[in-house]
Protein backbone atom coordinates (compact mmCIF):
# COMPACT_ATOMS: atom_id res chain seq x y z
CA MET A 1 -165.53 158.51 154.57
CA ASP A 2 -165.15 156.68 151.28
CA SER A 3 -161.62 155.80 150.24
CA TYR A 4 -160.67 156.08 146.60
CA LYS A 5 -157.34 154.28 146.58
CA PRO A 6 -158.06 150.74 145.41
CA LYS A 7 -156.50 147.76 147.10
CA PRO A 8 -154.40 145.34 145.02
CA LEU A 9 -156.70 144.24 142.24
CA LEU A 10 -155.96 140.52 142.30
CA ASN A 11 -154.66 138.22 144.98
CA LYS A 12 -151.99 135.61 144.31
CA SER A 13 -154.36 132.69 143.82
CA GLU A 14 -156.37 134.65 141.23
CA LEU A 15 -153.23 135.66 139.38
CA LYS A 16 -151.97 132.07 139.38
CA GLN A 17 -155.24 130.97 137.81
CA ILE A 18 -154.85 133.58 135.11
CA LYS A 19 -151.23 132.72 134.44
CA ARG A 20 -151.88 128.99 134.06
CA SER A 21 -154.98 129.19 131.87
CA ARG A 22 -155.11 129.05 128.08
CA THR A 23 -158.14 131.18 127.18
CA ARG A 24 -157.32 134.75 126.15
CA VAL A 25 -158.86 138.21 126.12
CA HIS A 26 -157.21 140.33 123.42
CA GLY A 27 -154.25 137.97 123.64
CA GLN A 28 -154.08 138.11 127.44
CA LYS A 29 -154.66 135.01 129.56
CA VAL A 30 -157.88 134.87 131.57
CA ILE A 31 -159.22 132.68 134.33
CA THR A 32 -160.83 129.84 132.44
CA ASP A 33 -160.31 127.67 129.39
CA ASP A 34 -163.90 126.38 129.58
CA VAL A 35 -165.33 127.59 126.27
CA LYS A 36 -168.81 126.39 127.17
CA LYS A 37 -168.69 128.46 130.34
CA LEU A 38 -167.61 131.59 128.46
CA LYS A 39 -170.33 131.14 125.85
CA SER A 40 -172.99 130.54 128.50
CA LEU A 41 -172.33 133.79 130.37
CA SER A 42 -175.41 135.99 130.29
CA VAL A 43 -175.16 139.22 128.32
CA THR A 44 -177.28 141.16 130.82
CA PRO A 45 -178.29 140.46 134.44
CA ASP A 46 -181.69 138.93 135.03
CA LEU A 47 -183.19 142.22 136.21
CA PRO A 48 -186.09 144.48 135.24
CA GLU A 49 -185.12 147.15 132.72
CA GLU A 50 -185.69 149.95 135.22
CA GLU A 51 -183.20 148.36 137.63
CA LEU A 52 -180.37 148.37 135.11
CA VAL A 53 -179.92 152.13 135.55
CA ASN A 54 -178.32 151.27 138.90
CA TYR A 55 -175.44 149.44 137.20
CA TYR A 56 -172.34 150.55 135.38
CA LYS A 57 -171.96 148.57 132.14
CA GLU A 58 -168.47 147.72 130.88
CA PRO A 59 -167.91 145.75 127.65
CA ILE A 60 -165.63 142.72 127.88
CA TRP A 61 -164.15 141.38 124.64
CA ILE A 62 -163.55 137.64 124.73
CA GLU A 63 -161.38 135.69 122.30
CA TYR A 64 -161.18 131.92 122.57
CA TYR A 65 -160.05 129.01 120.43
CA ILE A 66 -162.45 126.28 119.34
CA PRO A 67 -160.30 123.17 118.69
CA ARG A 68 -162.96 121.15 116.87
CA GLU A 69 -163.48 123.98 114.39
CA SER A 70 -159.82 125.06 114.29
CA ARG A 71 -160.72 128.71 114.61
CA PHE A 72 -160.85 131.60 117.04
CA ALA A 73 -164.18 133.04 118.10
CA TYR A 74 -164.85 136.54 119.36
CA GLU A 75 -167.70 137.71 121.53
CA ILE A 76 -168.54 140.81 123.48
CA LYS A 77 -170.14 140.41 126.88
CA TYR A 78 -170.83 142.99 129.58
CA LEU A 79 -169.73 143.39 133.16
CA TYR A 80 -172.56 144.99 135.14
CA VAL A 81 -171.36 146.61 138.36
CA TYR A 82 -173.96 147.55 140.95
CA LEU A 83 -173.63 151.17 142.10
CA VAL A 84 -173.33 151.31 145.88
CA ASN A 85 -174.48 154.53 147.51
CA SER A 86 -172.12 156.54 149.69
CA GLU A 87 -172.52 156.50 153.46
CA PRO A 88 -172.09 159.82 155.28
CA ARG A 89 -170.36 159.97 158.62
CA PRO A 90 -172.53 160.53 161.71
CA ALA A 91 -174.20 163.95 162.01
CA PRO A 92 -173.32 166.76 162.16
CA MET A 93 -170.52 165.77 159.77
CA ASP A 94 -171.07 165.40 156.01
CA SER A 95 -174.20 167.54 155.95
CA ILE A 96 -173.92 168.33 152.22
CA LEU A 97 -173.47 164.68 151.29
CA ARG A 98 -176.31 163.61 153.58
CA ASP A 99 -178.75 166.07 152.02
CA ALA A 100 -177.69 165.07 148.50
CA LEU A 101 -178.31 161.39 149.27
CA LYS A 102 -181.66 162.10 150.91
CA ASN A 103 -182.92 164.18 147.99
CA ASP A 104 -181.12 162.33 145.17
CA GLN A 105 -179.37 165.54 144.18
CA PHE A 106 -176.09 166.28 142.46
CA VAL A 107 -173.55 168.16 144.58
CA ASP A 108 -172.64 171.29 142.61
CA LEU A 109 -169.70 172.59 144.62
CA VAL A 110 -169.88 176.04 143.01
CA GLU A 111 -173.47 176.34 144.19
CA VAL A 112 -172.53 174.97 147.63
CA ALA A 113 -169.91 177.71 147.99
CA ARG A 114 -172.47 180.33 146.98
CA LEU A 115 -175.09 179.09 149.44
CA HIS A 116 -172.58 178.81 152.29
CA PRO A 117 -170.46 181.98 152.17
CA GLU A 118 -169.03 181.17 155.60
CA LYS A 119 -167.42 178.07 154.03
CA GLU A 120 -166.43 179.57 150.68
CA LYS A 121 -162.85 180.28 151.74
CA LEU A 122 -162.43 176.71 153.00
CA ILE A 123 -163.82 175.28 149.77
CA ARG A 124 -161.83 177.49 147.41
CA THR A 125 -158.61 177.03 149.38
CA SER A 126 -159.07 173.27 149.23
CA TYR A 127 -159.41 173.38 145.45
CA THR A 128 -157.17 176.30 144.47
CA ASN A 129 -155.69 174.54 141.45
CA SER A 130 -158.78 172.63 140.37
CA TRP A 131 -161.55 175.21 140.81
CA PRO A 132 -161.95 175.76 137.03
CA PHE A 133 -162.90 172.08 136.72
CA PHE A 134 -165.65 172.52 139.30
CA GLU A 135 -166.90 175.53 137.35
CA SER A 136 -166.96 173.40 134.21
CA ILE A 137 -168.88 170.69 136.09
CA SER A 138 -171.35 173.30 137.32
CA ASN A 139 -171.88 174.65 133.81
CA GLY A 140 -172.53 171.18 132.40
CA PHE A 141 -174.88 170.31 135.24
CA ASN A 142 -176.85 173.55 134.77
CA GLN A 143 -177.18 172.88 131.04
CA TYR A 144 -178.53 169.44 131.86
CA GLN A 145 -181.00 170.93 134.33
CA GLN A 146 -182.27 173.30 131.67
CA THR A 147 -182.48 170.81 128.80
CA LYS A 148 -182.64 167.37 130.50
CA ASP A 149 -180.23 166.23 127.78
CA PRO A 150 -177.69 163.83 129.37
CA HIS A 151 -175.19 164.78 126.68
CA TYR A 152 -174.26 167.72 128.89
CA LEU A 153 -173.29 165.35 131.71
CA ARG A 154 -170.33 163.87 129.85
CA VAL A 155 -167.87 166.58 130.87
CA PRO A 156 -169.03 166.58 134.53
CA LEU A 157 -168.64 162.80 134.55
CA TYR A 158 -165.07 162.79 133.29
CA HIS A 159 -164.02 165.73 135.46
CA THR A 160 -165.50 163.97 138.49
CA GLU A 161 -163.44 160.88 137.68
CA ASN A 162 -160.24 162.89 137.65
CA LEU A 163 -160.99 165.05 140.67
CA MET A 164 -161.89 162.14 142.94
CA LYS A 165 -158.33 160.84 142.60
CA ARG A 166 -157.14 163.81 144.68
CA GLU A 167 -159.54 163.24 147.55
CA PRO A 168 -160.01 163.66 150.42
CA SER A 169 -159.52 167.40 150.72
CA LEU A 170 -159.80 169.62 153.77
CA SER A 171 -163.21 170.74 152.53
CA THR A 172 -164.59 167.20 152.32
CA LEU A 173 -163.12 166.28 155.69
CA GLU A 174 -164.40 169.33 157.56
CA PHE A 175 -167.60 170.28 155.76
CA THR A 176 -169.17 168.61 152.74
CA GLY A 177 -168.27 164.97 153.18
CA ASN A 178 -166.67 163.04 150.36
CA PHE A 179 -169.40 163.46 147.77
CA PHE A 180 -167.46 162.32 144.71
CA ILE A 181 -168.68 158.72 144.62
CA HIS A 182 -172.22 160.01 145.13
CA ASN A 183 -171.82 162.40 142.20
CA LEU A 184 -170.26 159.65 140.07
CA ASN A 185 -173.19 157.30 140.78
CA TRP A 186 -175.68 160.10 140.15
CA LEU A 187 -174.11 160.91 136.78
CA ILE A 188 -173.92 157.25 135.71
CA ARG A 189 -177.60 156.73 136.53
CA ARG A 190 -178.67 159.81 134.55
CA MET A 191 -176.54 158.76 131.59
CA ASN A 192 -178.09 155.28 131.77
CA ARG A 193 -181.61 156.67 131.85
CA GLY A 194 -180.84 158.83 128.85
CA GLY A 195 -179.48 155.87 126.90
CA LYS A 196 -176.10 157.55 126.41
CA GLU A 197 -173.01 155.45 125.71
CA PHE A 198 -169.99 156.29 127.85
CA SER A 199 -167.01 154.61 129.45
CA LEU A 200 -165.01 155.09 132.62
CA GLU A 201 -161.31 154.72 133.31
CA ASP A 202 -160.12 151.27 134.37
CA GLU A 203 -159.10 152.55 137.80
CA THR A 204 -162.57 154.01 138.35
CA ILE A 205 -164.20 150.72 137.37
CA SER A 206 -161.95 148.87 139.80
CA ILE A 207 -163.17 151.19 142.57
CA LEU A 208 -166.81 150.46 141.68
CA ILE A 209 -166.10 146.71 141.69
CA LYS A 210 -164.35 146.97 145.06
CA ARG A 211 -167.29 148.87 146.55
CA ARG A 212 -169.75 146.36 145.11
CA ASN A 213 -167.80 143.42 146.55
CA GLU A 214 -167.56 145.04 149.98
CA TYR A 215 -171.31 145.71 149.91
CA TRP A 216 -172.04 142.08 148.95
CA GLU A 217 -169.87 140.85 151.80
CA LYS A 218 -171.35 143.29 154.32
CA LYS A 219 -174.93 142.31 153.39
CA ASN A 220 -174.02 138.62 153.17
CA LEU A 221 -175.55 138.41 149.69
CA PRO A 222 -175.22 135.21 147.64
CA ALA A 223 -172.19 134.92 145.38
CA ASP A 224 -172.68 135.70 141.70
CA GLU A 225 -170.43 133.38 139.72
CA ASP A 226 -170.97 135.20 136.43
CA PHE A 227 -170.08 138.55 137.98
CA ASP A 228 -166.94 137.11 139.58
CA LEU A 229 -165.82 135.70 136.25
CA PHE A 230 -166.55 138.91 134.35
CA ALA A 231 -164.72 140.94 137.01
CA ALA A 232 -161.66 138.69 136.74
CA LEU A 233 -161.79 139.02 132.95
CA PHE A 234 -161.94 142.79 133.31
CA TYR A 235 -158.99 142.89 135.71
CA GLU A 236 -156.81 140.75 133.48
CA GLN A 237 -157.74 142.79 130.42
CA ALA A 238 -157.19 146.13 132.16
CA PHE A 239 -154.17 145.21 134.31
CA PRO A 240 -152.60 142.18 132.59
CA ASN A 241 -149.20 142.28 134.29
CA ARG A 242 -150.04 143.54 137.75
CA GLY A 243 -148.47 141.35 140.41
CA LEU A 244 -147.00 138.78 138.03
CA GLU A 245 -143.44 139.58 139.07
CA GLU A 246 -144.21 138.67 142.68
CA ILE A 247 -145.90 135.45 141.61
CA GLU A 248 -143.00 134.40 139.42
CA ALA A 249 -140.58 135.00 142.29
CA ALA A 250 -142.79 133.02 144.66
CA GLU A 251 -143.04 130.14 142.20
CA LEU A 252 -139.26 130.01 141.89
CA LEU A 253 -139.03 129.69 145.66
CA ASP A 254 -141.66 126.94 145.60
CA GLU A 255 -139.57 124.97 143.12
CA ASP A 256 -136.51 125.01 145.38
């Protein structure tokens, strides 16, 4: 079962690096004062165009000072986060999620309740207060199916972001499996293929980064220095003060 509560975003050593550096993102300190390194960061990963649909793209604004020219420079780079597929629990659990992954299908919970009347009470009881949002998601998804216009996926995307914060529910635990990350990935990929601009909440992006990092570690994939730097830039830009109080207290103790 996927967990949607992110761990602390930065550890103490990362936060100390940020605190002691001089380069800034929108006035906030970031992890390096190496201007050459910042300027050399690639704008896009070295991947075929068709592979980029499997990444979430987040703009990172960088501001840095160039002493020799006595001026500030501004650049926009992009953090590309690989979308890691969900993993269902062993059968017979998570049957809805398993089928959706196998067939690359979106999980329309309204349709699931219709096709499984024996589970409708469980589903509706689990989402008593949020059922109108699932109906809105279903409407947007059906409009997309009819028109193939990814514009209609915007509302399902943003509703999915908000609803996944309340998971897991009794329905996902006992019947469907936690399909929200799967739906999120599915929507991002369709929006990418359609060339639609969109953005996710910072907390959602942190979840995608966490899942990507866990996948890299599990598969023992080689480290990507550019990604690590972009991710640290994102964290400092999105959560500039998180954990600094603890670091300051620890540094005071170190000075004693």
